[in-house]
Amino acid sequence: GMSSCSPSSRWRSIEDVSQSYLPVVVGVAVVGDHVLRLLFSDGTVGDVDFSAEQWTGVLAPLNDSGYFAEVAVDQEAGTIVWPDGIDLAPEPLYEQAKAHPLIAA
């Protein structure tokens, strides 16, 4: 007996899951003063400009360009972090990156 080529129902359930799945940050590069290029798990790449931000409170160290440039990706959290444990939520980063996307050549 040859097996039929109809799609199995389990693939549909995986698609349903991906609808609510939010991409996470998988790469970051500093491309300017307080400007980051972010790569997301869905392939979205965009620049996020923080130069207009006036950081206060726990985020105040981010005002320093040198410190800001020490950004890294936290693989477990799926977002960007700095040495003292400062991190930013990935959702608004993704919205910003999508608003200023880079189109791969």
PDB file of N, CA and C in Angstrom:
ATOM      1  N   GLY A   1       0.805  -1.200   0.000  1.00  0.00           N
ATOM      2  CA  GLY A   1       0.000   0.000   0.000  1.00  0.00           C
ATOM      3  C   GLY A   1       0.838   1.248   0.000  1.00  0.00           C
ATOM      4  N   MET A   2       0.576   2.094  -0.961  1.00  0.00           N
ATOM      5  CA  MET A   2       1.255   3.385  -1.003  1.00  0.00           C
ATOM      6  C   MET A   2       0.571   4.356  -0.042  1.00  0.00           C
ATOM      7  N   SER A   3       1.375   5.150   0.651  1.00  0.00           N
ATOM      8  CA  SER A   3       0.755   6.133   1.549  1.00  0.00           C
ATOM      9  C   SER A   3       0.311   7.347   0.743  1.00  0.00           C
ATOM     10  N   SER A   4      -0.792   7.929   1.141  1.00  0.00           N
ATOM     11  CA  SER A   4      -1.278   9.114   0.436  1.00  0.00           C
ATOM     12  C   SER A   4      -0.443  10.329   0.834  1.00  0.00           C
ATOM     13  N   CYS A   5      -0.497  11.357   0.012  1.00  0.00           N
ATOM     14  CA  CYS A   5       0.315  12.545   0.260  1.00  0.00           C
ATOM     15  C   CYS A   5      -0.477  13.680   0.914  1.00  0.00           C
ATOM     16  N   SER A   6      -1.605  13.346   1.514  1.00  0.00           N
ATOM     17  CA  SER A   6      -2.377  14.417   2.146  1.00  0.00           C
ATOM     18  C   SER A   6      -1.667  14.882   3.425  1.00  0.00           C
ATOM     19  N   PRO A   7      -1.745  16.180   3.726  1.00  0.00           N
ATOM     20  CA  PRO A   7      -1.052  16.693   4.923  1.00  0.00           C
ATOM     21  C   PRO A   7      -1.669  16.123   6.189  1.00  0.00           C
ATOM     22  N   SER A   8      -0.863  15.831   7.154  1.00  0.00           N
ATOM     23  CA  SER A   8      -1.388  15.300   8.401  1.00  0.00           C
ATOM     24  C   SER A   8      -1.962  16.432   9.243  1.00  0.00           C
ATOM     25  N   SER A   9      -2.865  16.090  10.118  1.00  0.00           N
ATOM     26  CA  SER A   9      -3.525  17.120  10.927  1.00  0.00           C
ATOM     27  C   SER A   9      -2.564  17.722  11.953  1.00  0.00           C
ATOM     28  N   ARG A  10      -1.500  16.996  12.305  1.00  0.00           N
ATOM     29  CA  ARG A  10      -0.618  17.536  13.328  1.00  0.00           C
ATOM     30  C   ARG A  10       0.146  18.761  12.832  1.00  0.00           C
ATOM     31  N   TRP A  11       0.347  18.881  11.543  1.00  0.00           N
ATOM     32  CA  TRP A  11       1.033  20.064  11.033  1.00  0.00           C
ATOM     33  C   TRP A  11       0.173  21.305  11.198  1.00  0.00           C
ATOM     34  N   ARG A  12      -1.127  21.132  11.047  1.00  0.00           N
ATOM     35  CA  ARG A  12      -2.029  22.274  11.214  1.00  0.00           C
ATOM     36  C   ARG A  12      -1.945  22.824  12.630  1.00  0.00           C
ATOM     37  N   SER A  13      -1.817  21.946  13.617  1.00  0.00           N
ATOM     38  CA  SER A  13      -1.753  22.423  14.998  1.00  0.00           C
ATOM     39  C   SER A  13      -0.454  23.211  15.238  1.00  0.00           C
ATOM     40  N   ILE A  14       0.613  22.818  14.565  1.00  0.00           N
ATOM     41  CA  ILE A  14       1.869  23.565  14.686  1.00  0.00           C
ATOM     42  C   ILE A  14       1.707  24.955  14.082  1.00  0.00           C
ATOM     43  N   GLU A  15       0.994  25.047  12.956  1.00  0.00           N
ATOM     44  CA  GLU A  15       0.746  26.355  12.344  1.00  0.00           C
ATOM     45  C   GLU A  15      -0.052  27.250  13.287  1.00  0.00           C
ATOM     46  N   ASP A  16      -1.033  26.677  13.968  1.00  0.00           N
ATOM     47  CA  ASP A  16      -1.841  27.461  14.897  1.00  0.00           C
ATOM     48  C   ASP A  16      -0.963  28.038  16.009  1.00  0.00           C
ATOM     49  N   VAL A  17      -0.028  27.253  16.492  1.00  0.00           N
ATOM     50  CA  VAL A  17       0.878  27.710  17.540  1.00  0.00           C
ATOM     51  C   VAL A  17       1.718  28.882  17.037  1.00  0.00           C
ATOM     52  N   SER A  18       2.198  28.791  15.805  1.00  0.00           N
ATOM     53  CA  SER A  18       3.078  29.827  15.289  1.00  0.00           C
ATOM     54  C   SER A  18       2.364  31.159  15.090  1.00  0.00           C
ATOM     55  N   GLN A  19       1.045  31.136  14.992  1.00  0.00           N
ATOM     56  CA  GLN A  19       0.294  32.374  14.826  1.00  0.00           C
ATOM     57  C   GLN A  19       0.487  33.288  16.035  1.00  0.00           C
ATOM     58  N   SER A  20       0.539  32.709  17.229  1.00  0.00           N
ATOM     59  CA  SER A  20       0.648  33.499  18.446  1.00  0.00           C
ATOM     60  C   SER A  20       2.104  33.628  18.912  1.00  0.00           C
ATOM     61  N   TYR A  21       3.011  33.034  18.169  1.00  0.00           N
ATOM     62  CA  TYR A  21       4.424  33.030  18.530  1.00  0.00           C
ATOM     63  C   TYR A  21       5.051  34.397  18.259  1.00  0.00           C
ATOM     64  N   LEU A  22       5.717  34.945  19.262  1.00  0.00           N
ATOM     65  CA  LEU A  22       6.382  36.227  19.075  1.00  0.00           C
ATOM     66  C   LEU A  22       7.861  35.993  18.818  1.00  0.00           C
ATOM     67  N   PRO A  23       8.389  36.556  17.728  1.00  0.00           N
ATOM     68  CA  PRO A  23       9.821  36.388  17.461  1.00  0.00           C
ATOM     69  C   PRO A  23      10.671  36.951  18.589  1.00  0.00           C
ATOM     70  N   VAL A  24      11.817  36.337  18.812  1.00  0.00           N
ATOM     71  CA  VAL A  24      12.744  36.804  19.836  1.00  0.00           C
ATOM     72  C   VAL A  24      14.018  37.322  19.181  1.00  0.00           C
ATOM     73  N   VAL A  25      14.764  38.111  19.914  1.00  0.00           N
ATOM     74  CA  VAL A  25      16.022  38.663  19.409  1.00  0.00           C
ATOM     75  C   VAL A  25      17.074  37.570  19.383  1.00  0.00           C
ATOM     76  N   VAL A  26      17.721  37.384  18.222  1.00  0.00           N
ATOM     77  CA  VAL A  26      18.778  36.386  18.121  1.00  0.00           C
ATOM     78  C   VAL A  26      20.120  37.015  17.739  1.00  0.00           C
ATOM     79  N   GLY A  27      20.101  38.302  17.404  1.00  0.00           N
ATOM     80  CA  GLY A  27      21.351  38.975  17.052  1.00  0.00           C
ATOM     81  C   GLY A  27      21.237  40.464  17.272  1.00  0.00           C
ATOM     82  N   VAL A  28      22.368  41.091  17.630  1.00  0.00           N
ATOM     83  CA  VAL A  28      22.372  42.543  17.821  1.00  0.00           C
ATOM     84  C   VAL A  28      23.717  43.098  17.383  1.00  0.00           C
ATOM     85  N   ALA A  29      23.684  44.268  16.772  1.00  0.00           N
ATOM     86  CA  ALA A  29      24.907  44.975  16.405  1.00  0.00           C
ATOM     87  C   ALA A  29      24.686  46.459  16.672  1.00  0.00           C
ATOM     88  N   VAL A  30      25.735  47.123  17.174  1.00  0.00           N
ATOM     89  CA  VAL A  30      25.675  48.567  17.374  1.00  0.00           C
ATOM     90  C   VAL A  30      26.067  49.219  16.053  1.00  0.00           C
ATOM     91  N   VAL A  31      25.164  49.991  15.454  1.00  0.00           N
ATOM     92  CA  VAL A  31      25.424  50.579  14.144  1.00  0.00           C
ATOM     93  C   VAL A  31      25.524  52.098  14.198  1.00  0.00           C
ATOM     94  N   GLY A  32      25.400  52.663  15.389  1.00  0.00           N
ATOM     95  CA  GLY A  32      25.507  54.108  15.545  1.00  0.00           C
ATOM     96  C   GLY A  32      25.415  54.464  17.011  1.00  0.00           C
ATOM     97  N   ASP A  33      25.453  55.751  17.306  1.00  0.00           N
ATOM     98  CA  ASP A  33      25.333  56.182  18.692  1.00  0.00           C
ATOM     99  C   ASP A  33      23.910  55.929  19.167  1.00  0.00           C
ATOM    100  N   HIS A  34      23.768  54.952  20.055  1.00  0.00           N
ATOM    101  CA  HIS A  34      22.464  54.555  20.575  1.00  0.00           C
ATOM    102  C   HIS A  34      21.534  54.022  19.474  1.00  0.00           C
ATOM    103  N   VAL A  35      22.119  53.428  18.433  1.00  0.00           N
ATOM    104  CA  VAL A  35      21.328  52.778  17.391  1.00  0.00           C
ATOM    105  C   VAL A  35      21.741  51.316  17.302  1.00  0.00           C
ATOM    106  N   LEU A  36      20.753  50.438  17.377  1.00  0.00           N
ATOM    107  CA  LEU A  36      21.015  48.999  17.323  1.00  0.00           C
ATOM    108  C   LEU A  36      20.355  48.379  16.104  1.00  0.00           C
ATOM    109  N   ARG A  37      21.060  47.443  15.489  1.00  0.00           N
ATOM    110  CA  ARG A  37      20.485  46.618  14.429  1.00  0.00           C
ATOM    111  C   ARG A  37      20.132  45.286  15.066  1.00  0.00           C
ATOM    112  N   LEU A  38      18.867  44.942  15.002  1.00  0.00           N
ATOM    113  CA  LEU A  38      18.400  43.723  15.659  1.00  0.00           C
ATOM    114  C   LEU A  38      17.960  42.685  14.642  1.00  0.00           C
ATOM    115  N   LEU A  39      18.310  41.432  14.925  1.00  0.00           N
ATOM    116  CA  LEU A  39      17.885  40.303  14.114  1.00  0.00           C
ATOM    117  C   LEU A  39      16.950  39.454  14.968  1.00  0.00           C
ATOM    118  N   PHE A  40      15.774  39.146  14.417  1.00  0.00           N
ATOM    119  CA  PHE A  40      14.789  38.350  15.139  1.00  0.00           C
ATOM    120  C   PHE A  40      14.701  36.947  14.570  1.00  0.00           C
ATOM    121  N   SER A  41      14.158  36.054  15.373  1.00  0.00           N
ATOM    122  CA  SER A  41      14.110  34.638  15.009  1.00  0.00           C
ATOM    123  C   SER A  41      13.260  34.357  13.773  1.00  0.00           C
ATOM    124  N   ASP A  42      12.414  35.306  13.374  1.00  0.00           N
ATOM    125  CA  ASP A  42      11.618  35.083  12.167  1.00  0.00           C
ATOM    126  C   ASP A  42      12.294  35.666  10.928  1.00  0.00           C
ATOM    127  N   GLY A  43      13.534  36.170  11.094  1.00  0.00           N
ATOM    128  CA  GLY A  43      14.264  36.714   9.962  1.00  0.00           C
ATOM    129  C   GLY A  43      14.133  38.220   9.815  1.00  0.00           C
ATOM    130  N   THR A  44      13.272  38.841  10.627  1.00  0.00           N
ATOM    131  CA  THR A  44      13.136  40.298  10.583  1.00  0.00           C
ATOM    132  C   THR A  44      14.433  40.950  11.060  1.00  0.00           C
ATOM    133  N   VAL A  45      14.912  41.925  10.288  1.00  0.00           N
ATOM    134  CA  VAL A  45      16.081  42.710  10.685  1.00  0.00           C
ATOM    135  C   VAL A  45      15.687  44.175  10.597  1.00  0.00           C
ATOM    136  N   GLY A  46      15.990  44.927  11.641  1.00  0.00           N
ATOM    137  CA  GLY A  46      15.662  46.338  11.608  1.00  0.00           C
ATOM    138  C   GLY A  46      16.526  47.125  12.566  1.00  0.00           C
ATOM    139  N   ASP A  47      16.642  48.422  12.297  1.00  0.00           N
ATOM    140  CA  ASP A  47      17.405  49.301  13.170  1.00  0.00           C
ATOM    141  C   ASP A  47      16.468  49.980  14.162  1.00  0.00           C
ATOM    142  N   VAL A  48      16.888  50.004  15.416  1.00  0.00           N
ATOM    143  CA  VAL A  48      16.114  50.660  16.454  1.00  0.00           C
ATOM    144  C   VAL A  48      16.969  51.789  17.011  1.00  0.00           C
ATOM    145  N   ASP A  49      16.463  53.021  16.891  1.00  0.00           N
ATOM    146  CA  ASP A  49      17.206  54.216  17.288  1.00  0.00           C
ATOM    147  C   ASP A  49      16.737  54.668  18.665  1.00  0.00           C
ATOM    148  N   PHE A  50      17.654  54.604  19.625  1.00  0.00           N
ATOM    149  CA  PHE A  50      17.340  55.011  20.994  1.00  0.00           C
ATOM    150  C   PHE A  50      17.918  56.383  21.326  1.00  0.00           C
ATOM    151  N   SER A  51      18.450  57.088  20.308  1.00  0.00           N
ATOM    152  CA  SER A  51      19.174  58.339  20.581  1.00  0.00           C
ATOM    153  C   SER A  51      18.285  59.419  21.200  1.00  0.00           C
ATOM    154  N   ALA A  52      16.983  59.333  20.986  1.00  0.00           N
ATOM    155  CA  ALA A  52      16.077  60.335  21.553  1.00  0.00           C
ATOM    156  C   ALA A  52      15.629  59.988  22.975  1.00  0.00           C
ATOM    157  N   GLU A  53      15.970  58.772  23.420  1.00  0.00           N
ATOM    158  CA  GLU A  53      15.549  58.334  24.752  1.00  0.00           C
ATOM    159  C   GLU A  53      16.293  59.093  25.843  1.00  0.00           C
ATOM    160  N   GLN A  54      15.572  59.456  26.885  1.00  0.00           N
ATOM    161  CA  GLN A  54      16.191  59.994  28.093  1.00  0.00           C
ATOM    162  C   GLN A  54      15.978  58.947  29.176  1.00  0.00           C
ATOM    163  N   TRP A  55      16.994  58.087  29.359  1.00  0.00           N
ATOM    164  CA  TRP A  55      16.863  56.984  30.305  1.00  0.00           C
ATOM    165  C   TRP A  55      16.927  57.509  31.740  1.00  0.00           C
ATOM    166  N   THR A  56      16.065  56.987  32.598  1.00  0.00           N
ATOM    167  CA  THR A  56      16.072  57.370  34.007  1.00  0.00           C
ATOM    168  C   THR A  56      16.017  56.127  34.872  1.00  0.00           C
ATOM    169  N   GLY A  57      16.210  56.305  36.162  1.00  0.00           N
ATOM    170  CA  GLY A  57      16.119  55.186  37.097  1.00  0.00           C
ATOM    171  C   GLY A  57      17.121  54.093  36.782  1.00  0.00           C
ATOM    172  N   VAL A  58      16.647  52.841  36.800  1.00  0.00           N
ATOM    173  CA  VAL A  58      17.541  51.703  36.571  1.00  0.00           C
ATOM    174  C   VAL A  58      18.124  51.705  35.164  1.00  0.00           C
ATOM    175  N   LEU A  59      17.458  52.405  34.232  1.00  0.00           N
ATOM    176  CA  LEU A  59      17.951  52.444  32.853  1.00  0.00           C
ATOM    177  C   LEU A  59      18.937  53.583  32.601  1.00  0.00           C
ATOM    178  N   ALA A  60      19.168  54.439  33.599  1.00  0.00           N
ATOM    179  CA  ALA A  60      20.040  55.603  33.430  1.00  0.00           C
ATOM    180  C   ALA A  60      21.419  55.289  32.842  1.00  0.00           C
ATOM    181  N   PRO A  61      22.058  54.150  33.209  1.00  0.00           N
ATOM    182  CA  PRO A  61      23.376  53.851  32.612  1.00  0.00           C
ATOM    183  C   PRO A  61      23.362  53.789  31.088  1.00  0.00           C
ATOM    184  N   LEU A  62      22.188  53.533  30.487  1.00  0.00           N
ATOM    185  CA  LEU A  62      22.103  53.427  29.038  1.00  0.00           C
ATOM    186  C   LEU A  62      22.344  54.765  28.339  1.00  0.00           C
ATOM    187  N   ASN A  63      22.303  55.866  29.090  1.00  0.00           N
ATOM    188  CA  ASN A  63      22.593  57.177  28.499  1.00  0.00           C
ATOM    189  C   ASN A  63      24.063  57.276  28.071  1.00  0.00           C
ATOM    190  N   ASP A  64      24.925  56.479  28.702  1.00  0.00           N
ATOM    191  CA  ASP A  64      26.348  56.477  28.373  1.00  0.00           C
ATOM    192  C   ASP A  64      26.595  55.623  27.132  1.00  0.00           C
ATOM    193  N   SER A  65      27.145  56.257  26.089  1.00  0.00           N
ATOM    194  CA  SER A  65      27.347  55.552  24.814  1.00  0.00           C
ATOM    195  C   SER A  65      28.222  54.311  24.964  1.00  0.00           C
ATOM    196  N   GLY A  66      29.263  54.414  25.774  1.00  0.00           N
ATOM    197  CA  GLY A  66      30.174  53.290  25.972  1.00  0.00           C
ATOM    198  C   GLY A  66      29.477  52.102  26.603  1.00  0.00           C
ATOM    199  N   TYR A  67      28.695  52.398  27.629  1.00  0.00           N
ATOM    200  CA  TYR A  67      27.946  51.335  28.290  1.00  0.00           C
ATOM    201  C   TYR A  67      26.889  50.757  27.347  1.00  0.00           C
ATOM    202  N   PHE A  68      26.194  51.639  26.635  1.00  0.00           N
ATOM    203  CA  PHE A  68      25.146  51.203  25.709  1.00  0.00           C
ATOM    204  C   PHE A  68      25.704  50.217  24.684  1.00  0.00           C
ATOM    205  N   ALA A  69      26.939  50.473  24.250  1.00  0.00           N
ATOM    206  CA  ALA A  69      27.575  49.638  23.222  1.00  0.00           C
ATOM    207  C   ALA A  69      27.933  48.242  23.724  1.00  0.00           C
ATOM    208  N   GLU A  70      27.811  48.003  25.034  1.00  0.00           N
ATOM    209  CA  GLU A  70      28.115  46.679  25.593  1.00  0.00           C
ATOM    210  C   GLU A  70      26.918  45.733  25.524  1.00  0.00           C
ATOM    211  N   VAL A  71      25.920  46.102  24.749  1.00  0.00           N
ATOM    212  CA  VAL A  71      24.721  45.290  24.600  1.00  0.00           C
ATOM    213  C   VAL A  71      25.043  43.884  24.098  1.00  0.00           C
ATOM    214  N   ALA A  72      24.257  42.932  24.535  1.00  0.00           N
ATOM    215  CA  ALA A  72      24.420  41.544  24.105  1.00  0.00           C
ATOM    216  C   ALA A  72      23.040  40.901  24.015  1.00  0.00           C
ATOM    217  N   VAL A  73      22.989  39.711  23.423  1.00  0.00           N
ATOM    218  CA  VAL A  73      21.735  38.966  23.339  1.00  0.00           C
ATOM    219  C   VAL A  73      21.671  37.976  24.494  1.00  0.00           C
ATOM    220  N   ASP A  74      20.562  37.986  25.204  1.00  0.00           N
ATOM    221  CA  ASP A  74      20.299  36.967  26.215  1.00  0.00           C
ATOM    222  C   ASP A  74      19.450  35.888  25.547  1.00  0.00           C
ATOM    223  N   GLN A  75      20.079  34.766  25.219  1.00  0.00           N
ATOM    224  CA  GLN A  75      19.392  33.701  24.481  1.00  0.00           C
ATOM    225  C   GLN A  75      18.180  33.162  25.244  1.00  0.00           C
ATOM    226  N   GLU A  76      18.294  33.044  26.566  1.00  0.00           N
ATOM    227  CA  GLU A  76      17.198  32.489  27.355  1.00  0.00           C
ATOM    228  C   GLU A  76      16.005  33.431  27.383  1.00  0.00           C
ATOM    229  N   ALA A  77      16.275  34.730  27.553  1.00  0.00           N
ATOM    230  CA  ALA A  77      15.185  35.710  27.626  1.00  0.00           C
ATOM    231  C   ALA A  77      14.693  36.115  26.242  1.00  0.00           C
ATOM    232  N   GLY A  78      15.540  35.892  25.216  1.00  0.00           N
ATOM    233  CA  GLY A  78      15.141  36.245  23.862  1.00  0.00           C
ATOM    234  C   GLY A  78      15.111  37.740  23.613  1.00  0.00           C
ATOM    235  N   THR A  79      15.968  38.469  24.335  1.00  0.00           N
ATOM    236  CA  THR A  79      16.003  39.912  24.148  1.00  0.00           C
ATOM    237  C   THR A  79      17.423  40.425  24.370  1.00  0.00           C
ATOM    238  N   ILE A  80      17.584  41.756  24.367  1.00  0.00           N
ATOM    239  CA  ILE A  80      18.905  42.339  24.551  1.00  0.00           C
ATOM    240  C   ILE A  80      19.125  42.712  26.015  1.00  0.00           C
ATOM    241  N   VAL A  81      20.377  42.571  26.440  1.00  0.00           N
ATOM    242  CA  VAL A  81      20.733  42.839  27.831  1.00  0.00           C
ATOM    243  C   VAL A  81      22.051  43.603  27.899  1.00  0.00           C
ATOM    244  N   TRP A  82      22.268  44.216  29.068  1.00  0.00           N
ATOM    245  CA  TRP A  82      23.520  44.909  29.350  1.00  0.00           C
ATOM    246  C   TRP A  82      24.163  44.294  30.581  1.00  0.00           C
ATOM    247  N   PRO A  83      25.451  44.599  30.812  1.00  0.00           N
ATOM    248  CA  PRO A  83      26.213  43.932  31.875  1.00  0.00           C
ATOM    249  C   PRO A  83      25.562  43.907  33.262  1.00  0.00           C
ATOM    250  N   ASP A  84      24.858  44.938  33.671  1.00  0.00           N
ATOM    251  CA  ASP A  84      24.282  44.945  35.016  1.00  0.00           C
ATOM    252  C   ASP A  84      22.925  44.265  35.094  1.00  0.00           C
ATOM    253  N   GLY A  85      22.549  43.576  34.027  1.00  0.00           N
ATOM    254  CA  GLY A  85      21.274  42.886  34.031  1.00  0.00           C
ATOM    255  C   GLY A  85      20.130  43.728  33.506  1.00  0.00           C
ATOM    256  N   ILE A  86      20.437  44.916  33.005  1.00  0.00           N
ATOM    257  CA  ILE A  86      19.404  45.733  32.373  1.00  0.00           C
ATOM    258  C   ILE A  86      18.978  45.033  31.090  1.00  0.00           C
ATOM    259  N   ASP A  87      17.681  44.933  30.881  1.00  0.00           N
ATOM    260  CA  ASP A  87      17.197  44.358  29.626  1.00  0.00           C
ATOM    261  C   ASP A  87      15.952  45.103  29.176  1.00  0.00           C
ATOM    262  N   LEU A  88      15.598  44.912  27.923  1.00  0.00           N
ATOM    263  CA  LEU A  88      14.423  45.557  27.350  1.00  0.00           C
ATOM    264  C   LEU A  88      13.486  44.488  26.819  1.00  0.00           C
ATOM    265  N   ALA A  89      12.188  44.727  26.958  1.00  0.00           N
ATOM    266  CA  ALA A  89      11.196  43.764  26.480  1.00  0.00           C
ATOM    267  C   ALA A  89      11.302  43.623  24.965  1.00  0.00           C
ATOM    268  N   PRO A  90      11.225  42.388  24.438  1.00  0.00           N
ATOM    269  CA  PRO A  90      11.382  42.180  23.000  1.00  0.00           C
ATOM    270  C   PRO A  90      10.221  42.687  22.152  1.00  0.00           C
ATOM    271  N   GLU A  91       9.013  42.764  22.718  1.00  0.00           N
ATOM    272  CA  GLU A  91       7.846  43.139  21.917  1.00  0.00           C
ATOM    273  C   GLU A  91       7.982  44.525  21.275  1.00  0.00           C
ATOM    274  N   PRO A  92       8.263  45.581  22.072  1.00  0.00           N
ATOM    275  CA  PRO A  92       8.407  46.901  21.431  1.00  0.00           C
ATOM    276  C   PRO A  92       9.620  46.983  20.514  1.00  0.00           C
ATOM    277  N   LEU A  93      10.669  46.223  20.818  1.00  0.00           N
ATOM    278  CA  LEU A  93      11.851  46.191  19.944  1.00  0.00           C
ATOM    279  C   LEU A  93      11.453  45.640  18.578  1.00  0.00           C
ATOM    280  N   TYR A  94      10.635  44.591  18.600  1.00  0.00           N
ATOM    281  CA  TYR A  94      10.190  43.966  17.359  1.00  0.00           C
ATOM    282  C   TYR A  94       9.333  44.938  16.554  1.00  0.00           C
ATOM    283  N   GLU A  95       8.442  45.655  17.239  1.00  0.00           N
ATOM    284  CA  GLU A  95       7.599  46.630  16.553  1.00  0.00           C
ATOM    285  C   GLU A  95       8.455  47.715  15.895  1.00  0.00           C
ATOM    286  N   GLN A  96       9.464  48.193  16.612  1.00  0.00           N
ATOM    287  CA  GLN A  96      10.363  49.214  16.067  1.00  0.00           C
ATOM    288  C   GLN A  96      11.153  48.680  14.878  1.00  0.00           C
ATOM    289  N   ALA A  97      11.667  47.463  15.018  1.00  0.00           N
ATOM    290  CA  ALA A  97      12.454  46.864  13.937  1.00  0.00           C
ATOM    291  C   ALA A  97      11.593  46.674  12.690  1.00  0.00           C
ATOM    292  N   LYS A  98      10.332  46.268  12.894  1.00  0.00           N
ATOM    293  CA  LYS A  98       9.436  46.079  11.753  1.00  0.00           C
ATOM    294  C   LYS A  98       9.104  47.420  11.101  1.00  0.00           C
ATOM    295  N   ALA A  99       9.112  48.495  11.893  1.00  0.00           N
ATOM    296  CA  ALA A  99       8.805  49.819  11.366  1.00  0.00           C
ATOM    297  C   ALA A  99       9.971  50.394  10.563  1.00  0.00           C
ATOM    298  N   HIS A 100      11.188  49.909  10.839  1.00  0.00           N
ATOM    299  CA  HIS A 100      12.381  50.386  10.139  1.00  0.00           C
ATOM    300  C   HIS A 100      13.182  49.188   9.644  1.00  0.00           C
ATOM    301  N   PRO A 101      12.578  48.380   8.762  1.00  0.00           N
ATOM    302  CA  PRO A 101      13.230  47.126   8.356  1.00  0.00           C
ATOM    303  C   PRO A 101      14.374  47.337   7.373  1.00  0.00           C
ATOM    304  N   LEU A 102      15.295  46.397   7.413  1.00  0.00           N
ATOM    305  CA  LEU A 102      16.351  46.341   6.415  1.00  0.00           C
ATOM    306  C   LEU A 102      15.958  45.247   5.437  1.00  0.00           C
ATOM    307  N   ILE A 103      16.039  45.538   4.175  1.00  0.00           N
ATOM    308  CA  ILE A 103      15.729  44.529   3.173  1.00  0.00           C
ATOM    309  C   ILE A 103      17.037  43.908   2.702  1.00  0.00           C
ATOM    310  N   ALA A 104      17.143  42.615   2.883  1.00  0.00           N
ATOM    311  CA  ALA A 104      18.368  41.923   2.482  1.00  0.00           C
ATOM    312  C   ALA A 104      18.547  42.019   0.960  1.00  0.00           C
ATOM    313  N   ALA A 105      19.766  42.284   0.548  1.00  0.00           N
ATOM    314  CA  ALA A 105      20.052  42.427  -0.897  1.00  0.00           C
ATOM    315  C   ALA A 105      20.038  41.056  -1.558  1.00  0.00           C
TER     316      ALA A 105
END
